[in-house]
Amino acid sequence: MKILSKLILVIFCVQLIGCEDDDYKSIPTEVILTAEEREEYSGGEATVFNATQEAFGFFASTLTQNEQSDFGIGNSFFRQSWVSAPASTTARDGLGPFFNANNCSSCHFKDGRGRPPAFDGQLGRGLLLRLSLAGSHPNGSAFSDPIYGNQLQDNAILGQVIKGKYNITYQTISETLADGTVVELQKPLYQINTLGYGSLASGMLVSPRIANQIIGLGLLEAVSENTILGFATTNNSNGISGKANYVYDVESNSQKLGRFGWKANQPSIRQQVAGAFSGDMGITTSIFPNENAPPSVDLSAIPNGGSPEISNSNFDKVVLYSSSLAVPARRNVSDQNVLKGKKTFNDIQCASCHVPRMQTGNTYSIAALRDQIIRPYTDMLLHDMGNELSDNTPDFLATGNEWRTQPLWGIGLINTVNGHTNLLHDGRARNVIEAILWHSGEAQNSKIKFKQLSTNDRNNLLSFIDSL
């Protein structure tokens, strides 16, 4: 009897174990994904762990004491308003006579990203209109309007007639995702009006440009030219072919690799900053010493703030400030949904252009930014983004359809810092989904794959992008 009982017990145990094994085998095992080492350090040692409204405004902590001091002075010139001359604040007078904003932070609020005006006539929120004509100068730059120049300034100092205004209307375009979600896109249409000095030239090309967040610019400038050109070779597959823009460098009177601006039309942070002082605020520098005004305006009768209106010393401090803003750290890098989204980002080939990882060179002028492993999610190259995003405006080697790959670091904090989620070169996309759906041209296949994602996979992808 005891033997029989033991036998029954053994059979029961074997059956029980067998059932447990079968049940275990029928349960799918989920692969646990892991983040890369130091993946949260988007800016290498120039990373700041802050996700508040001030996230874009910190200096790289490894700057020298002198650089930190200059950063503070540059910050002051960046944020405080300029006034028309003459004024008691002699270091900050010379605004205009024609301008879009009276300080840098009007467009780059808290060092962040601008947006289109919320209503007709709203000024200084970070959208401007570039003007050009077909053809180019010997240095490769485009011809500008003979009266209005290369930018429509929609404000002027007291006593001067404003160059002009513009308004925006929107055309609605619908996209349907695989799960049935319908996304309404808005295509902006621009109309320039209230012109103060006559008609625009026939055949005028108009390109809207939004002010970008300015974190990590020095790190991008510190990446070697060979590294950037290497991306042009490695991503030349599956219909994706990055192209370098070569642009005119004023100070060296030569062509150099374009790195900054929506079409990579500026070779350096110095020239980018000088161009903004000149075009956006009407402040002269030693790089751009001439005022922007229609030929009929007598500049000799308008007081200026000196020649140049910002001294070289103060200008250099603004350049250092713009070069050394730290990059906010990634959030939730080990979250499984974020990591799944990262895998999807790679699987649908977003990383072909938005290159995740690169290293800065060892010769950059700011030692703190040398030899850093950074994760900007850009290749700094031009790509054909299709007809719908085209501004039809050539810019050196860039065609109307081509745009520089926008760095994605900090994208998840734009709403926190700036209170909106407008994206792309003209702010037409109101969120990340809309921005992706505007991709075409070289990104057409990635867009199609994005539209085919399940709801869960799409949400994971958005969580990953939001973590950047």
Protein backbone atom coordinates (compact mmCIF):
# COMPACT_ATOMS: atom_id res chain seq x y z
CA MET A 1 0.00 0.00 0.00
CA LYS A 2 2.81 2.36 0.91
CA ILE A 3 4.59 1.49 -2.34
CA LEU A 4 1.41 2.21 -4.34
CA SER A 5 0.91 5.53 -2.59
CA LYS A 6 4.49 6.60 -3.34
CA LEU A 7 4.07 5.59 -6.99
CA ILE A 8 0.87 7.64 -7.32
CA LEU A 9 2.62 10.60 -5.68
CA VAL A 10 5.58 10.36 -8.08
CA ILE A 11 3.26 10.17 -11.11
CA PHE A 12 1.30 13.20 -9.83
CA CYS A 13 4.51 15.20 -9.33
CA VAL A 14 5.83 14.31 -12.76
CA GLN A 15 2.52 15.32 -14.32
CA LEU A 16 2.48 18.54 -12.33
CA ILE A 17 6.00 19.46 -13.34
CA GLY A 18 5.25 18.57 -16.94
CA CYS A 19 2.22 20.82 -16.94
CA GLU A 20 4.22 23.63 -15.42
CA ASP A 21 6.89 23.24 -18.11
CA ASP A 22 4.28 23.29 -20.86
CA ASP A 23 2.59 26.34 -19.37
CA TYR A 24 5.94 28.12 -19.03
CA LYS A 25 6.87 27.39 -22.63
CA SER A 26 3.55 28.82 -23.83
CA ILE A 27 4.23 32.20 -22.15
CA PRO A 28 6.28 34.51 -24.43
CA THR A 29 9.47 35.72 -22.82
CA GLU A 30 9.93 39.50 -23.17
CA VAL A 31 13.46 40.65 -23.90
CA ILE A 32 14.65 43.17 -21.35
CA LEU A 33 16.30 46.08 -23.15
CA THR A 34 19.11 48.09 -21.62
CA ALA A 35 20.36 51.62 -22.16
CA GLU A 36 23.86 52.32 -23.39
CA GLU A 37 26.50 53.37 -20.90
CA ARG A 38 26.15 57.10 -20.12
CA GLU A 39 23.36 57.39 -22.65
CA GLU A 40 21.74 60.09 -20.56
CA TYR A 41 24.80 62.35 -21.07
CA SER A 42 23.61 63.91 -24.34
CA GLY A 43 26.32 66.58 -24.24
CA GLY A 44 29.10 64.51 -22.73
CA GLU A 45 30.58 66.46 -19.82
CA ALA A 46 28.66 69.48 -21.10
CA THR A 47 25.41 67.88 -19.91
CA VAL A 48 23.16 69.50 -17.31
CA PHE A 49 20.73 67.50 -15.18
CA ASN A 50 17.85 69.91 -15.16
CA ALA A 51 14.40 69.47 -16.69
CA THR A 52 12.77 72.72 -15.53
CA GLN A 53 11.84 75.83 -17.52
CA GLU A 54 15.50 76.88 -17.16
CA ALA A 55 16.84 73.66 -18.70
CA PHE A 56 18.36 75.34 -21.77
CA GLY A 57 20.10 78.16 -19.90
CA PHE A 58 23.07 76.59 -18.09
CA PHE A 59 26.74 76.82 -19.05
CA ALA A 60 28.88 73.74 -19.50
CA SER A 61 30.17 73.11 -16.00
CA THR A 62 33.72 72.42 -17.19
CA LEU A 63 34.27 75.97 -18.49
CA THR A 64 37.17 77.86 -16.93
CA GLN A 65 36.45 80.62 -14.41
CA ASN A 66 37.21 83.28 -17.03
CA GLU A 67 34.90 81.58 -19.52
CA GLN A 68 32.15 81.40 -16.92
CA SER A 69 32.55 85.13 -16.28
CA ASP A 70 32.39 85.88 -20.01
CA PHE A 71 29.36 83.58 -20.28
CA GLY A 72 27.54 85.74 -17.74
CA ILE A 73 28.30 88.95 -19.63
CA GLY A 74 27.30 87.34 -22.92
CA ASN A 75 24.07 86.17 -21.30
CA SER A 76 23.31 89.77 -20.30
CA PHE A 77 23.77 91.04 -23.88
CA PHE A 78 21.69 88.14 -25.15
CA ARG A 79 18.71 88.76 -22.86
CA GLN A 80 18.53 92.51 -22.35
CA SER A 81 16.90 94.83 -24.85
CA TRP A 82 18.72 97.13 -27.24
CA VAL A 83 17.46 100.68 -27.72
CA SER A 84 17.73 103.23 -30.49
CA ALA A 85 20.63 105.69 -30.45
CA PRO A 86 21.52 107.98 -28.85
CA ALA A 87 20.88 106.65 -25.36
CA SER A 88 22.51 106.71 -21.95
CA THR A 89 23.05 102.94 -22.23
CA THR A 90 25.80 103.40 -24.80
CA ALA A 91 26.80 99.72 -24.79
CA ARG A 92 23.29 98.74 -25.91
CA ASP A 93 22.17 101.48 -28.27
CA GLY A 94 21.97 101.33 -32.04
CA LEU A 95 18.82 99.26 -32.50
CA GLY A 96 17.54 99.28 -36.07
CA PRO A 97 16.65 101.37 -37.90
CA PHE A 98 14.82 98.24 -39.10
CA PHE A 99 14.51 95.11 -36.99
CA ASN A 100 12.44 92.05 -36.09
CA ALA A 101 13.21 92.00 -32.37
CA ASN A 102 15.02 94.20 -29.84
CA ASN A 103 16.85 91.38 -28.07
CA CYS A 104 18.01 87.86 -28.79
CA SER A 105 15.75 86.26 -26.21
CA SER A 106 12.60 87.61 -27.89
CA CYS A 107 13.06 84.89 -30.49
CA HIS A 108 15.11 82.46 -28.39
CA PHE A 109 13.11 82.80 -25.17
CA LYS A 110 15.06 81.16 -22.35
CA ASP A 111 17.55 80.04 -25.04
CA GLY A 112 14.76 78.01 -26.57
CA ARG A 113 12.68 77.79 -29.69
CA GLY A 114 10.49 80.39 -31.39
CA ARG A 115 7.04 79.88 -32.83
CA PRO A 116 4.79 81.43 -35.48
CA PRO A 117 2.74 84.44 -34.38
CA ALA A 118 -0.47 83.52 -32.61
CA PHE A 119 -2.30 86.30 -34.45
CA ASP A 120 -1.63 88.72 -37.30
CA GLY A 121 0.73 91.47 -36.23
CA GLN A 122 2.24 89.73 -33.21
CA LEU A 123 5.94 90.63 -33.20
CA GLY A 124 9.15 89.08 -31.96
CA ARG A 125 8.16 85.45 -31.38
CA GLY A 126 10.85 83.91 -33.53
CA LEU A 127 9.53 83.61 -37.09
CA LEU A 128 11.03 85.74 -39.86
CA LEU A 129 10.87 85.78 -43.64
CA ARG A 130 14.03 85.50 -45.76
CA LEU A 131 13.92 87.15 -49.18
CA SER A 132 15.96 86.17 -52.22
CA LEU A 133 15.96 86.10 -56.01
CA ALA A 134 17.06 83.44 -58.46
CA GLY A 135 20.79 83.41 -59.13
CA SER A 136 23.77 83.94 -56.89
CA HIS A 137 26.79 86.12 -56.28
CA PRO A 138 30.31 84.83 -57.04
CA ASN A 139 30.63 83.75 -53.39
CA GLY A 140 27.55 81.55 -53.76
CA SER A 141 25.11 83.66 -51.73
CA ALA A 142 21.71 84.38 -53.22
CA PHE A 143 20.67 87.68 -54.73
CA SER A 144 18.49 89.76 -52.42
CA ASP A 145 15.67 92.19 -53.10
CA PRO A 146 17.16 95.51 -54.32
CA ILE A 147 14.93 97.48 -51.92
CA TYR A 148 14.14 95.21 -48.98
CA GLY A 149 17.36 93.20 -48.78
CA ASN A 150 17.49 89.55 -47.73
CA GLN A 151 15.09 89.72 -44.78
CA LEU A 152 11.74 91.37 -44.09
CA GLN A 153 12.12 93.41 -40.91
CA ASP A 154 8.60 94.06 -39.63
CA ASN A 155 9.50 96.74 -37.10
CA ALA A 156 11.35 100.06 -37.15
CA ILE A 157 12.58 102.75 -34.79
CA LEU A 158 10.54 105.88 -34.17
CA GLY A 159 10.34 108.08 -37.25
CA GLN A 160 10.95 105.35 -39.81
CA VAL A 161 8.39 103.62 -42.02
CA ILE A 162 8.23 99.86 -41.38
CA LYS A 163 9.38 97.80 -44.36
CA GLY A 164 6.31 95.59 -44.31
CA LYS A 165 4.13 93.07 -42.52
CA TYR A 166 2.92 89.58 -43.30
CA ASN A 167 0.06 87.32 -42.41
CA ILE A 168 -0.36 83.58 -42.49
CA THR A 169 -3.29 81.45 -43.59
CA TYR A 170 -3.36 77.67 -43.37
CA GLN A 171 -4.43 74.92 -45.73
CA THR A 172 -5.51 71.65 -44.10
CA ILE A 173 -4.09 68.31 -45.24
CA SER A 174 -5.22 65.00 -43.73
CA GLU A 175 -3.11 61.91 -43.06
CA THR A 176 -4.58 58.60 -41.83
CA LEU A 177 -2.52 56.19 -39.73
CA ALA A 178 -2.84 52.40 -39.81
CA ASP A 179 -4.91 52.31 -36.60
CA GLY A 180 -7.44 54.73 -38.10
CA THR A 181 -6.14 57.87 -36.39
CA VAL A 182 -6.66 60.91 -38.62
CA VAL A 183 -4.07 63.70 -38.28
CA GLU A 184 -4.89 67.17 -39.62
CA LEU A 185 -1.76 68.93 -40.89
CA GLN A 186 -1.64 72.67 -41.49
CA LYS A 187 0.28 74.05 -44.46
CA PRO A 188 1.14 77.74 -44.03
CA LEU A 189 0.66 80.26 -46.83
CA TYR A 190 2.40 83.64 -46.45
CA GLN A 191 1.25 86.98 -47.76
CA ILE A 192 3.49 90.05 -47.44
CA ASN A 193 1.58 93.30 -47.20
CA THR A 194 1.76 96.93 -46.01
CA LEU A 195 5.02 97.43 -47.89
CA GLY A 196 6.56 100.77 -47.04
CA TYR A 197 9.00 101.28 -49.91
CA GLY A 198 7.35 99.97 -53.04
CA SER A 199 6.79 96.53 -54.50
CA LEU A 200 8.95 93.49 -54.03
CA ALA A 201 11.02 92.46 -57.03
CA SER A 202 9.38 90.13 -59.54
CA GLY A 203 10.10 86.47 -58.84
CA MET A 204 10.75 87.04 -55.12
CA LEU A 205 11.43 83.83 -53.17
CA VAL A 206 10.20 83.84 -49.58
CA SER A 207 11.51 81.42 -46.97
CA PRO A 208 10.08 81.39 -43.43
CA ARG A 209 12.57 80.52 -40.69
CA ILE A 210 11.90 79.78 -37.01
CA ALA A 211 14.47 80.54 -34.31
CA ASN A 212 15.89 77.33 -32.87
CA GLN A 213 16.90 76.40 -29.35
CA ILE A 214 20.61 77.14 -29.02
CA ILE A 215 21.83 74.40 -26.69
CA GLY A 216 24.96 72.47 -27.66
CA LEU A 217 26.01 74.68 -30.57
CA GLY A 218 29.67 74.66 -29.58
CA LEU A 219 29.66 70.88 -29.36
CA LEU A 220 28.35 70.68 -32.94
CA GLU A 221 30.98 73.19 -34.06
CA ALA A 222 33.64 71.07 -32.35
CA VAL A 223 32.81 67.98 -34.44
CA SER A 224 35.46 67.60 -37.12
CA GLU A 225 34.64 68.21 -40.76
CA ASN A 226 35.85 64.70 -41.61
CA THR A 227 33.34 63.21 -39.18
CA ILE A 228 30.46 65.10 -40.79
CA LEU A 229 31.59 64.25 -44.31
CA GLY A 230 31.84 60.63 -43.22
CA PHE A 231 28.10 60.62 -42.55
CA ALA A 232 27.54 61.59 -46.18
CA THR A 233 29.17 58.31 -47.17
CA THR A 234 27.68 56.00 -44.56
CA ASN A 235 24.06 57.09 -44.98
CA ASN A 236 24.14 56.88 -48.77
CA SER A 237 21.73 53.95 -49.00
CA ASN A 238 18.03 53.14 -49.17
CA GLY A 239 17.31 56.41 -50.92
CA ILE A 240 19.06 58.46 -48.23
CA SER A 241 21.96 60.62 -49.34
CA GLY A 242 23.24 63.43 -47.11
CA LYS A 243 24.99 66.38 -48.74
CA ALA A 244 27.34 68.95 -47.24
CA ASN A 245 26.65 72.62 -47.85
CA TYR A 246 29.68 74.82 -48.53
CA VAL A 247 29.05 78.47 -47.77
CA TYR A 248 30.81 81.81 -47.72
CA ASP A 249 32.82 82.61 -44.60
CA VAL A 250 33.12 86.40 -44.40
CA GLU A 251 36.12 86.66 -42.08
CA SER A 252 38.33 84.26 -44.07
CA ASN A 253 36.87 85.25 -47.48
CA SER A 254 36.58 81.58 -48.40
CA GLN A 255 34.12 78.71 -48.73
CA LYS A 256 33.70 76.54 -45.65
CA LEU A 257 31.49 73.69 -44.51
CA GLY A 258 28.05 74.97 -43.51
CA ARG A 259 26.96 73.82 -40.07
CA PHE A 260 24.27 76.14 -38.71
CA GLY A 261 20.91 77.43 -39.85
CA TRP A 262 18.01 75.50 -41.34
CA LYS A 263 19.90 74.96 -44.60
CA ALA A 264 23.36 74.81 -43.03
CA ASN A 265 24.03 78.24 -44.55
CA GLN A 266 26.36 79.50 -41.81
CA PRO A 267 29.93 78.19 -41.34
CA SER A 268 30.37 79.20 -37.71
CA ILE A 269 28.62 80.35 -34.58
CA ARG A 270 30.41 83.71 -34.93
CA GLN A 271 28.90 84.38 -38.33
CA GLN A 272 25.50 83.05 -37.24
CA VAL A 273 25.46 85.44 -34.26
CA ALA A 274 26.71 88.37 -36.35
CA GLY A 275 24.04 87.66 -38.95
CA ALA A 276 21.34 87.67 -36.26
CA PHE A 277 22.60 90.96 -34.82
CA SER A 278 22.51 92.50 -38.30
CA GLY A 279 19.35 91.02 -39.79
CA ASP A 280 17.16 90.57 -36.72
CA MET A 281 18.08 93.64 -34.66
CA GLY A 282 19.91 96.03 -36.98
CA ILE A 283 23.05 95.96 -34.81
CA THR A 284 26.32 96.28 -36.73
CA THR A 285 29.39 94.18 -35.96
CA SER A 286 32.90 94.07 -37.35
CA ILE A 287 31.75 91.11 -39.46
CA PHE A 288 28.67 92.87 -40.85
CA PRO A 289 29.43 96.60 -40.46
CA ASN A 290 26.68 97.97 -42.73
CA GLU A 291 23.12 98.87 -41.76
CA ASN A 292 20.18 97.21 -43.54
CA ALA A 293 17.92 99.84 -45.09
CA PRO A 294 16.13 100.57 -48.35
CA PRO A 295 18.19 102.80 -50.68
CA SER A 296 15.77 105.71 -50.21
CA VAL A 297 16.48 105.90 -46.47
CA ASP A 298 19.13 108.49 -45.56
CA LEU A 299 21.19 106.61 -42.98
CA SER A 300 23.40 109.64 -42.35
CA ALA A 301 20.41 111.36 -40.77
CA ILE A 302 19.77 108.49 -38.34
CA PRO A 303 21.97 108.31 -35.21
CA ASN A 304 23.79 104.99 -34.75
CA GLY A 305 25.33 103.31 -31.75
CA GLY A 306 28.92 103.45 -32.97
CA SER A 307 30.99 101.62 -35.55
CA PRO A 308 30.41 98.83 -34.85
CA GLU A 309 27.40 99.09 -32.55
CA ILE A 310 28.52 96.14 -30.45
CA SER A 311 32.21 96.12 -29.58
CA ASN A 312 34.38 93.16 -30.55
CA SER A 313 34.88 92.32 -26.88
CA ASN A 314 31.17 92.17 -26.10
CA PHE A 315 30.44 90.40 -29.36
CA ASP A 316 32.99 87.71 -28.49
CA LYS A 317 31.25 87.18 -25.16
CA VAL A 318 27.89 86.68 -26.86
CA VAL A 319 29.56 84.15 -29.17
CA LEU A 320 31.04 82.28 -26.20
CA TYR A 321 27.65 82.32 -24.50
CA SER A 322 25.99 80.92 -27.60
CA SER A 323 28.72 78.28 -27.93
CA SER A 324 28.78 76.92 -24.39
CA LEU A 325 25.17 76.37 -23.36
CA ALA A 326 24.92 72.89 -21.86
CA VAL A 327 22.63 70.17 -23.19
CA PRO A 328 19.94 68.81 -20.84
CA ALA A 329 20.33 65.18 -19.87
CA ARG A 330 18.08 62.50 -21.29
CA ARG A 331 15.20 61.39 -19.09
CA ASN A 332 13.87 57.85 -18.58
CA VAL A 333 16.70 56.24 -20.53
CA SER A 334 16.12 52.84 -18.90
CA ASP A 335 12.35 52.83 -19.22
CA GLN A 336 11.33 49.79 -21.26
CA ASN A 337 8.80 51.68 -23.37
CA VAL A 338 11.41 54.33 -24.16
CA LEU A 339 13.93 51.65 -25.13
CA LYS A 340 11.34 49.93 -27.33
CA GLY A 341 10.72 53.29 -28.96
CA LYS A 342 14.45 53.68 -29.50
CA LYS A 343 14.51 50.32 -31.29
CA THR A 344 11.60 51.42 -33.49
CA PHE A 345 13.43 54.70 -34.21
CA ASN A 346 16.34 52.66 -35.56
CA ASP A 347 14.17 50.04 -37.29
CA ILE A 348 12.29 52.58 -39.41
CA GLN A 349 15.61 54.27 -40.27
CA CYS A 350 15.15 57.59 -38.50
CA ALA A 351 18.75 57.20 -37.31
CA SER A 352 20.03 57.24 -40.90
CA CYS A 353 19.82 61.04 -40.80
CA HIS A 354 19.29 61.72 -37.10
CA VAL A 355 22.62 60.12 -36.22
CA PRO A 356 22.57 59.36 -32.50
CA ARG A 357 26.21 59.49 -31.50
CA MET A 358 29.46 61.20 -32.48
CA GLN A 359 32.62 62.58 -30.91
CA THR A 360 33.92 66.13 -30.90
CA GLY A 361 37.45 66.90 -32.06
CA ASN A 362 40.46 67.78 -29.94
CA THR A 363 41.31 71.25 -31.29
CA TYR A 364 38.21 73.32 -30.53
CA SER A 365 38.73 76.80 -29.07
CA ILE A 366 36.75 75.94 -25.92
CA ALA A 367 38.75 73.18 -24.26
CA ALA A 368 35.77 71.97 -22.21
CA LEU A 369 34.02 70.85 -25.41
CA ARG A 370 36.89 68.80 -26.81
CA ASP A 371 36.88 64.99 -27.04
CA GLN A 372 33.27 64.60 -25.92
CA ILE A 373 30.95 61.74 -26.80
CA ILE A 374 27.71 63.51 -27.68
CA ARG A 375 24.25 62.38 -28.76
CA PRO A 376 22.70 65.17 -30.83
CA TYR A 377 20.67 63.03 -33.28
CA THR A 378 21.79 64.85 -36.42
CA ASP A 379 24.28 64.33 -39.23
CA MET A 380 24.58 68.11 -39.94
CA LEU A 381 23.95 67.36 -43.61
CA LEU A 382 21.36 68.47 -46.16
CA HIS A 383 18.61 66.06 -47.19
CA ASP A 384 15.82 66.29 -49.73
CA MET A 385 12.65 66.46 -47.63
CA GLY A 386 10.22 66.51 -50.53
CA ASN A 387 8.05 69.07 -52.27
CA GLU A 388 5.62 69.74 -49.43
CA LEU A 389 8.37 71.12 -47.16
CA SER A 390 10.15 72.94 -49.98
CA ASP A 391 10.56 76.70 -49.75
CA ASN A 392 11.78 76.71 -53.40
CA THR A 393 14.71 78.83 -52.22
CA PRO A 394 18.30 77.79 -53.01
CA ASP A 395 20.84 78.64 -50.31
CA PHE A 396 24.43 78.12 -51.49
CA LEU A 397 24.46 74.41 -52.44
CA ALA A 398 21.11 73.68 -50.79
CA THR A 399 18.13 73.36 -53.11
CA GLY A 400 14.61 74.42 -52.21
CA ASN A 401 13.78 70.87 -51.09
CA GLU A 402 16.88 70.40 -48.96
CA TRP A 403 17.15 71.05 -45.24
CA ARG A 404 19.80 70.33 -42.65
CA THR A 405 18.92 67.46 -40.29
CA GLN A 406 17.58 69.10 -37.16
CA PRO A 407 19.32 67.98 -33.92
CA LEU A 408 16.76 66.30 -31.66
CA TRP A 409 18.47 66.81 -28.30
CA GLY A 410 16.25 68.87 -26.04
CA ILE A 411 13.11 68.27 -28.13
CA GLY A 412 11.24 66.78 -25.19
CA LEU A 413 11.75 69.94 -23.12
CA ILE A 414 10.61 72.56 -25.64
CA ASN A 415 7.11 72.59 -24.19
CA THR A 416 8.49 72.92 -20.66
CA VAL A 417 10.81 75.78 -21.60
CA ASN A 418 8.78 77.59 -24.26
CA GLY A 419 5.18 76.55 -23.69
CA HIS A 420 4.57 75.12 -27.16
CA THR A 421 5.50 72.12 -29.29
CA ASN A 422 5.78 73.73 -32.74
CA LEU A 423 8.41 72.08 -34.93
CA LEU A 424 10.03 72.25 -38.39
CA HIS A 425 11.59 75.23 -40.12
CA ASP A 426 8.43 77.33 -40.07
CA GLY A 427 6.72 75.94 -36.98
CA ARG A 428 3.90 74.39 -39.02
CA ALA A 429 4.02 71.08 -37.12
CA ARG A 430 2.21 71.40 -33.80
CA ASN A 431 3.70 68.21 -32.38
CA VAL A 432 6.10 65.38 -33.16
CA ILE A 433 3.52 63.29 -35.05
CA GLU A 434 2.80 66.15 -37.43
CA ALA A 435 6.51 66.80 -37.92
CA ILE A 436 7.11 63.18 -38.93
CA LEU A 437 4.14 63.18 -41.29
CA TRP A 438 5.54 66.23 -43.11
CA HIS A 439 8.67 64.20 -43.94
CA SER A 440 8.92 63.12 -47.55
CA GLY A 441 11.63 62.87 -50.19
CA GLU A 442 14.50 60.86 -48.74
CA ALA A 443 12.41 60.25 -45.59
CA GLN A 444 9.36 58.93 -47.46
CA ASN A 445 10.02 55.28 -46.58
CA SER A 446 10.46 56.10 -42.91
CA LYS A 447 7.23 58.07 -42.95
CA ILE A 448 5.36 55.13 -44.51
CA LYS A 449 6.75 52.78 -41.86
CA PHE A 450 5.75 55.24 -39.14
CA LYS A 451 2.18 55.37 -40.44
CA GLN A 452 2.03 51.56 -40.36
CA LEU A 453 3.09 51.26 -36.70
CA SER A 454 0.67 49.87 -34.14
CA THR A 455 -0.71 52.33 -31.62
CA ASN A 456 1.53 50.86 -28.92
CA ASP A 457 4.69 51.01 -31.05
CA ARG A 458 3.89 54.57 -32.10
CA ASN A 459 3.41 55.64 -28.48
CA ASN A 460 6.71 54.02 -27.52
CA LEU A 461 8.48 55.87 -30.34
CA LEU A 462 6.98 59.17 -29.15
CA SER A 463 8.08 58.38 -25.60
CA PHE A 464 11.62 57.86 -26.83
CA ILE A 465 11.67 61.14 -28.76
CA ASP A 466 10.19 62.92 -25.74
CA SER A 467 13.08 61.58 -23.64
CA LEU A 468 15.70 63.27 -25.83
